C-alpha cells in the first residue's frame, strides 16, 4: 500500500510552507507500508528555535487552510524538535543539531521518498 493522494497533497503543501520560511533539508518518506498510524513523514530543519517556530506556524496555517488540523503537537516549548501529527502525515520540524543527532533519514531510508515538487 502507498500513501493516499490526500496525504501526498498535504505533504507537498506542508513542504511548500516550510520552504517559504527557509527550512532546510526538506524530505518526505512514504511510511504507509511500515506504519499503520500515518502515511507520510515530512522532515525539515531550522537553524534557530525561532525559525523552527516560524516553520511550524506556517505549516499549521497551511494545513488549516486545507481543512487538516493537528491532532497532536509535541516539543513546541523548546522548539528544538516539533512534531505535528495531522493523522495522514506527521511533520518533524527539527533544529539542525537534533536533526544530525537523531538521523531520522537513516532510520526511514528503506521507505520510498515522496516527490515534493
N, C-alpha and C. Protein backbone atom coordinates (compact mmCIF):
# COMPACT_ATOMS: atom_id res chain seq x y z
N UNK A 1 0.85 -1.17 0.00
CA UNK A 1 0.00 0.00 0.00
C UNK A 1 0.89 1.23 0.00
N UNK A 2 0.46 2.28 -0.66
CA UNK A 2 1.23 3.52 -0.66
C UNK A 2 0.39 4.66 -0.11
N UNK A 3 1.04 5.78 0.11
CA UNK A 3 0.37 6.94 0.68
C UNK A 3 -0.80 7.38 -0.20
N UNK A 4 -1.86 7.86 0.44
CA UNK A 4 -3.03 8.33 -0.29
C UNK A 4 -2.72 9.64 -1.01
N UNK A 5 -3.53 9.95 -2.00
CA UNK A 5 -3.37 11.22 -2.72
C UNK A 5 -3.55 12.41 -1.77
N UNK A 6 -4.47 12.29 -0.83
CA UNK A 6 -4.70 13.35 0.15
C UNK A 6 -3.44 13.57 0.99
N UNK A 7 -2.81 12.50 1.43
CA UNK A 7 -1.59 12.61 2.22
C UNK A 7 -0.48 13.25 1.40
N UNK A 8 -0.37 12.88 0.14
CA UNK A 8 0.65 13.47 -0.74
C UNK A 8 0.37 14.97 -0.92
N UNK A 9 -0.90 15.33 -1.10
CA UNK A 9 -1.26 16.75 -1.26
C UNK A 9 -0.90 17.53 -0.01
N UNK A 10 -1.24 16.99 1.16
CA UNK A 10 -0.90 17.66 2.42
C UNK A 10 0.61 17.79 2.58
N UNK A 11 1.32 16.74 2.23
CA UNK A 11 2.78 16.74 2.35
C UNK A 11 3.40 17.83 1.49
N UNK A 12 2.96 17.93 0.26
CA UNK A 12 3.50 18.95 -0.65
C UNK A 12 3.17 20.35 -0.16
N UNK A 13 1.96 20.54 0.37
CA UNK A 13 1.58 21.85 0.89
C UNK A 13 2.41 22.21 2.12
N UNK A 14 2.62 21.25 2.99
CA UNK A 14 3.44 21.48 4.18
C UNK A 14 4.88 21.78 3.80
N UNK A 15 5.39 21.06 2.82
CA UNK A 15 6.77 21.29 2.36
C UNK A 15 6.92 22.68 1.77
N UNK A 16 5.93 23.13 1.02
CA UNK A 16 5.96 24.47 0.44
C UNK A 16 5.93 25.53 1.54
N UNK A 17 5.08 25.31 2.55
CA UNK A 17 5.02 26.26 3.67
C UNK A 17 6.35 26.32 4.40
N UNK A 18 6.98 25.16 4.59
CA UNK A 18 8.29 25.12 5.26
C UNK A 18 9.34 25.83 4.41
N UNK A 19 9.31 25.59 3.13
CA UNK A 19 10.26 26.22 2.22
C UNK A 19 10.10 27.74 2.22
N UNK A 20 8.85 28.22 2.32
CA UNK A 20 8.60 29.66 2.38
C UNK A 20 9.24 30.32 3.59
N UNK A 21 9.45 29.54 4.66
CA UNK A 21 10.10 30.05 5.87
C UNK A 21 11.57 29.64 5.92
N UNK A 22 12.11 29.26 4.76
CA UNK A 22 13.53 28.94 4.57
C UNK A 22 14.01 27.72 5.35
N UNK A 23 13.11 26.77 5.58
CA UNK A 23 13.52 25.50 6.18
C UNK A 23 14.50 24.81 5.24
N UNK A 24 15.41 24.03 5.81
CA UNK A 24 16.41 23.35 5.02
C UNK A 24 16.17 21.84 5.04
N UNK A 25 16.80 21.18 4.06
CA UNK A 25 16.81 19.71 4.00
C UNK A 25 15.42 19.10 4.12
N UNK A 26 14.50 19.58 3.31
CA UNK A 26 13.12 19.09 3.35
C UNK A 26 13.04 17.78 2.57
N UNK A 27 12.53 16.75 3.24
CA UNK A 27 12.39 15.44 2.62
C UNK A 27 11.17 14.75 3.22
N UNK A 28 10.52 13.93 2.42
CA UNK A 28 9.34 13.19 2.90
C UNK A 28 9.49 11.72 2.55
N UNK A 29 9.05 10.87 3.47
CA UNK A 29 9.09 9.43 3.27
C UNK A 29 7.68 8.85 3.33
N UNK A 30 7.37 7.97 2.41
CA UNK A 30 6.12 7.22 2.44
C UNK A 30 6.31 6.06 3.41
N UNK A 31 5.73 6.19 4.59
CA UNK A 31 5.89 5.18 5.63
C UNK A 31 4.65 4.31 5.77
N UNK A 32 3.75 4.39 4.81
CA UNK A 32 2.47 3.69 4.90
C UNK A 32 2.62 2.18 4.98
N UNK A 33 3.65 1.61 4.37
CA UNK A 33 3.87 0.16 4.46
C UNK A 33 4.47 -0.25 5.80
N UNK A 34 5.11 0.69 6.48
CA UNK A 34 5.78 0.39 7.75
C UNK A 34 4.92 0.70 8.97
N UNK A 35 4.06 1.71 8.85
CA UNK A 35 3.26 2.17 9.98
C UNK A 35 1.78 2.21 9.61
N UNK A 36 0.95 1.83 10.55
CA UNK A 36 -0.50 1.89 10.32
C UNK A 36 -1.08 3.23 10.75
N UNK A 37 -0.29 4.03 11.45
CA UNK A 37 -0.83 5.26 12.05
C UNK A 37 -0.76 6.48 11.14
N UNK A 38 0.06 6.44 10.10
CA UNK A 38 0.20 7.59 9.20
C UNK A 38 0.73 7.13 7.86
N UNK A 39 0.64 8.00 6.86
CA UNK A 39 1.13 7.67 5.52
C UNK A 39 2.51 8.24 5.21
N UNK A 40 2.76 9.47 5.69
CA UNK A 40 3.99 10.18 5.30
C UNK A 40 4.62 10.85 6.50
N UNK A 41 5.95 10.78 6.56
CA UNK A 41 6.75 11.59 7.48
C UNK A 41 7.41 12.67 6.65
N UNK A 42 7.23 13.93 7.04
CA UNK A 42 7.92 15.06 6.42
C UNK A 42 8.94 15.58 7.42
N UNK A 43 10.19 15.70 6.98
CA UNK A 43 11.26 16.20 7.83
C UNK A 43 11.79 17.50 7.26
N UNK A 44 12.06 18.47 8.14
CA UNK A 44 12.72 19.70 7.70
C UNK A 44 13.46 20.29 8.89
N UNK A 45 14.39 21.19 8.60
CA UNK A 45 15.25 21.75 9.64
C UNK A 45 15.21 23.26 9.66
N UNK A 46 15.45 23.78 10.86
CA UNK A 46 15.65 25.21 11.04
C UNK A 46 16.95 25.42 11.79
N UNK A 47 17.55 26.57 11.60
CA UNK A 47 18.86 26.82 12.22
C UNK A 47 18.77 27.42 13.61
N UNK A 48 17.59 27.93 13.99
CA UNK A 48 17.39 28.51 15.31
C UNK A 48 16.02 28.09 15.84
N UNK A 49 15.82 28.13 17.15
CA UNK A 49 14.48 27.83 17.67
C UNK A 49 13.41 28.77 17.11
N UNK A 50 13.79 30.01 16.89
CA UNK A 50 12.84 30.97 16.32
C UNK A 50 12.40 30.54 14.92
N UNK A 51 13.33 30.07 14.10
CA UNK A 51 12.99 29.61 12.77
C UNK A 51 12.15 28.33 12.84
N UNK A 52 12.48 27.44 13.76
CA UNK A 52 11.68 26.22 13.93
C UNK A 52 10.23 26.58 14.23
N UNK A 53 10.02 27.55 15.11
CA UNK A 53 8.66 28.00 15.43
C UNK A 53 7.98 28.62 14.22
N UNK A 54 8.71 29.43 13.46
CA UNK A 54 8.13 30.06 12.27
C UNK A 54 7.71 29.01 11.24
N UNK A 55 8.54 28.00 11.06
CA UNK A 55 8.21 26.92 10.12
C UNK A 55 6.98 26.18 10.62
N UNK A 56 6.96 25.87 11.89
CA UNK A 56 5.81 25.19 12.50
C UNK A 56 4.53 25.99 12.29
N UNK A 57 4.57 27.28 12.58
CA UNK A 57 3.39 28.14 12.40
C UNK A 57 2.92 28.15 10.96
N UNK A 58 3.85 28.29 10.03
CA UNK A 58 3.49 28.34 8.61
C UNK A 58 2.85 27.04 8.15
N UNK A 59 3.39 25.93 8.60
CA UNK A 59 2.82 24.63 8.23
C UNK A 59 1.41 24.49 8.80
N UNK A 60 1.24 24.82 10.06
CA UNK A 60 -0.09 24.70 10.67
C UNK A 60 -1.11 25.60 9.98
N UNK A 61 -0.72 26.83 9.65
CA UNK A 61 -1.64 27.73 8.94
C UNK A 61 -2.07 27.14 7.60
N UNK A 62 -1.11 26.58 6.87
CA UNK A 62 -1.42 26.00 5.56
C UNK A 62 -2.32 24.77 5.70
N UNK A 63 -2.07 23.96 6.70
CA UNK A 63 -2.89 22.76 6.89
C UNK A 63 -4.32 23.14 7.26
N UNK A 64 -4.48 24.17 8.08
CA UNK A 64 -5.82 24.64 8.45
C UNK A 64 -6.56 25.12 7.20
N UNK A 65 -5.85 25.85 6.32
CA UNK A 65 -6.46 26.29 5.06
C UNK A 65 -6.98 25.12 4.23
N UNK A 66 -6.29 23.99 4.32
CA UNK A 66 -6.69 22.80 3.56
C UNK A 66 -7.69 21.93 4.31
N UNK A 67 -8.03 22.31 5.52
CA UNK A 67 -9.01 21.55 6.29
C UNK A 67 -8.42 20.45 7.16
N UNK A 68 -7.10 20.47 7.34
CA UNK A 68 -6.44 19.49 8.20
C UNK A 68 -5.99 20.19 9.48
N UNK A 69 -6.31 19.60 10.59
CA UNK A 69 -5.94 20.19 11.88
C UNK A 69 -5.04 19.21 12.61
N UNK A 70 -4.03 19.73 13.29
CA UNK A 70 -3.12 18.88 14.05
C UNK A 70 -3.89 18.17 15.17
N UNK A 71 -3.78 16.86 15.21
CA UNK A 71 -4.41 16.10 16.28
C UNK A 71 -3.49 15.98 17.49
N UNK A 72 -2.21 16.27 17.24
CA UNK A 72 -1.23 16.23 18.33
C UNK A 72 -0.04 17.11 17.98
N UNK A 73 0.48 17.80 19.00
CA UNK A 73 1.68 18.63 18.85
C UNK A 73 2.61 18.31 20.02
N UNK A 74 3.88 18.23 19.71
CA UNK A 74 4.88 17.97 20.76
C UNK A 74 6.09 18.86 20.52
N UNK A 75 6.75 19.26 21.60
CA UNK A 75 8.03 19.95 21.53
C UNK A 75 7.98 21.43 21.21
N UNK A 76 6.82 22.04 21.32
CA UNK A 76 6.71 23.45 20.93
C UNK A 76 7.39 24.38 21.92
N UNK A 77 7.47 24.02 23.17
CA UNK A 77 8.04 24.95 24.16
C UNK A 77 9.53 25.17 23.96
N UNK A 78 10.28 24.11 23.62
CA UNK A 78 11.72 24.26 23.40
C UNK A 78 12.05 24.61 21.95
N UNK A 79 11.17 24.23 21.04
CA UNK A 79 11.36 24.48 19.60
C UNK A 79 12.69 23.92 19.10
N UNK A 80 13.03 22.73 19.59
CA UNK A 80 14.23 22.03 19.09
C UNK A 80 13.83 20.89 18.17
N UNK A 81 12.70 20.25 18.49
CA UNK A 81 12.13 19.21 17.65
C UNK A 81 10.62 19.29 17.84
N UNK A 82 9.94 19.85 16.88
CA UNK A 82 8.49 19.98 16.94
C UNK A 82 7.88 18.89 16.07
N UNK A 83 6.96 18.14 16.65
CA UNK A 83 6.25 17.10 15.92
C UNK A 83 4.81 17.55 15.77
N UNK A 84 4.33 17.58 14.54
CA UNK A 84 2.95 17.93 14.24
C UNK A 84 2.29 16.73 13.59
N UNK A 85 1.29 16.17 14.25
CA UNK A 85 0.59 14.99 13.75
C UNK A 85 -0.74 15.42 13.15
N UNK A 86 -0.85 15.27 11.83
CA UNK A 86 -2.09 15.60 11.12
C UNK A 86 -2.82 14.33 10.71
N UNK A 87 -2.55 13.22 11.37
CA UNK A 87 -3.12 11.89 11.11
C UNK A 87 -2.60 11.31 9.80
N UNK A 88 -2.88 11.94 8.67
CA UNK A 88 -2.41 11.42 7.38
C UNK A 88 -0.92 11.65 7.17
N UNK A 89 -0.41 12.71 7.76
CA UNK A 89 1.03 12.98 7.69
C UNK A 89 1.51 13.41 9.08
N UNK A 90 2.78 13.15 9.34
CA UNK A 90 3.42 13.62 10.56
C UNK A 90 4.62 14.46 10.13
N UNK A 91 4.67 15.69 10.64
CA UNK A 91 5.72 16.63 10.27
C UNK A 91 6.69 16.76 11.44
N UNK A 92 7.97 16.61 11.13
CA UNK A 92 9.04 16.80 12.11
C UNK A 92 9.80 18.06 11.70
N UNK A 93 9.68 19.11 12.50
CA UNK A 93 10.45 20.34 12.28
C UNK A 93 11.54 20.34 13.33
N UNK A 94 12.78 20.17 12.89
CA UNK A 94 13.87 19.94 13.82
C UNK A 94 14.95 21.01 13.71
N UNK A 95 15.53 21.35 14.85
CA UNK A 95 16.73 22.18 14.83
C UNK A 95 17.82 21.34 14.17
N UNK A 96 18.73 21.99 13.46
CA UNK A 96 19.77 21.28 12.72
C UNK A 96 20.57 20.32 13.59
N UNK A 97 20.86 20.71 14.82
CA UNK A 97 21.64 19.84 15.71
C UNK A 97 20.89 18.56 16.05
N UNK A 98 19.60 18.67 16.37
CA UNK A 98 18.80 17.49 16.67
C UNK A 98 18.64 16.61 15.43
N UNK A 99 18.49 17.25 14.30
CA UNK A 99 18.36 16.51 13.04
C UNK A 99 19.60 15.66 12.77
N UNK A 100 20.77 16.24 12.98
CA UNK A 100 22.01 15.49 12.77
C UNK A 100 22.16 14.38 13.80
N UNK A 101 21.80 14.65 15.05
CA UNK A 101 21.97 13.67 16.11
C UNK A 101 21.04 12.47 15.93
N UNK A 102 19.75 12.72 15.67
CA UNK A 102 18.78 11.63 15.60
C UNK A 102 18.74 10.94 14.23
N UNK A 103 19.19 11.59 13.20
CA UNK A 103 19.34 11.00 11.86
C UNK A 103 18.13 10.17 11.43
N UNK A 104 16.97 10.79 11.44
CA UNK A 104 15.75 10.08 11.05
C UNK A 104 15.79 9.60 9.60
N UNK A 105 16.52 10.29 8.75
CA UNK A 105 16.64 9.84 7.36
C UNK A 105 17.23 8.44 7.30
N UNK A 106 18.18 8.17 8.14
CA UNK A 106 18.80 6.85 8.17
C UNK A 106 17.81 5.80 8.66
N UNK A 107 17.01 6.17 9.64
CA UNK A 107 16.02 5.26 10.20
C UNK A 107 14.96 4.86 9.16
N UNK A 108 14.55 5.82 8.34
CA UNK A 108 13.49 5.58 7.36
C UNK A 108 14.01 5.43 5.93
N UNK A 109 15.29 5.21 5.77
CA UNK A 109 15.90 5.16 4.44
C UNK A 109 15.39 4.03 3.55
N UNK A 110 14.79 3.01 4.14
CA UNK A 110 14.26 1.92 3.32
C UNK A 110 12.85 2.23 2.78
N UNK A 111 12.29 3.36 3.19
CA UNK A 111 10.96 3.76 2.71
C UNK A 111 11.11 4.63 1.46
N UNK A 112 10.13 4.58 0.57
CA UNK A 112 10.19 5.42 -0.63
C UNK A 112 10.14 6.91 -0.28
N UNK A 113 10.89 7.69 -1.03
CA UNK A 113 10.87 9.15 -0.86
C UNK A 113 9.69 9.70 -1.66
N UNK A 114 8.96 10.63 -1.05
CA UNK A 114 7.82 11.28 -1.72
C UNK A 114 8.37 12.46 -2.51
N UNK A 115 8.05 12.52 -3.79
CA UNK A 115 8.47 13.64 -4.62
C UNK A 115 7.68 14.87 -4.22
N UNK A 116 8.39 15.94 -3.88
CA UNK A 116 7.74 17.13 -3.33
C UNK A 116 7.42 18.20 -4.37
N UNK A 117 8.10 18.24 -5.48
CA UNK A 117 7.83 19.31 -6.46
C UNK A 117 7.11 18.79 -7.67
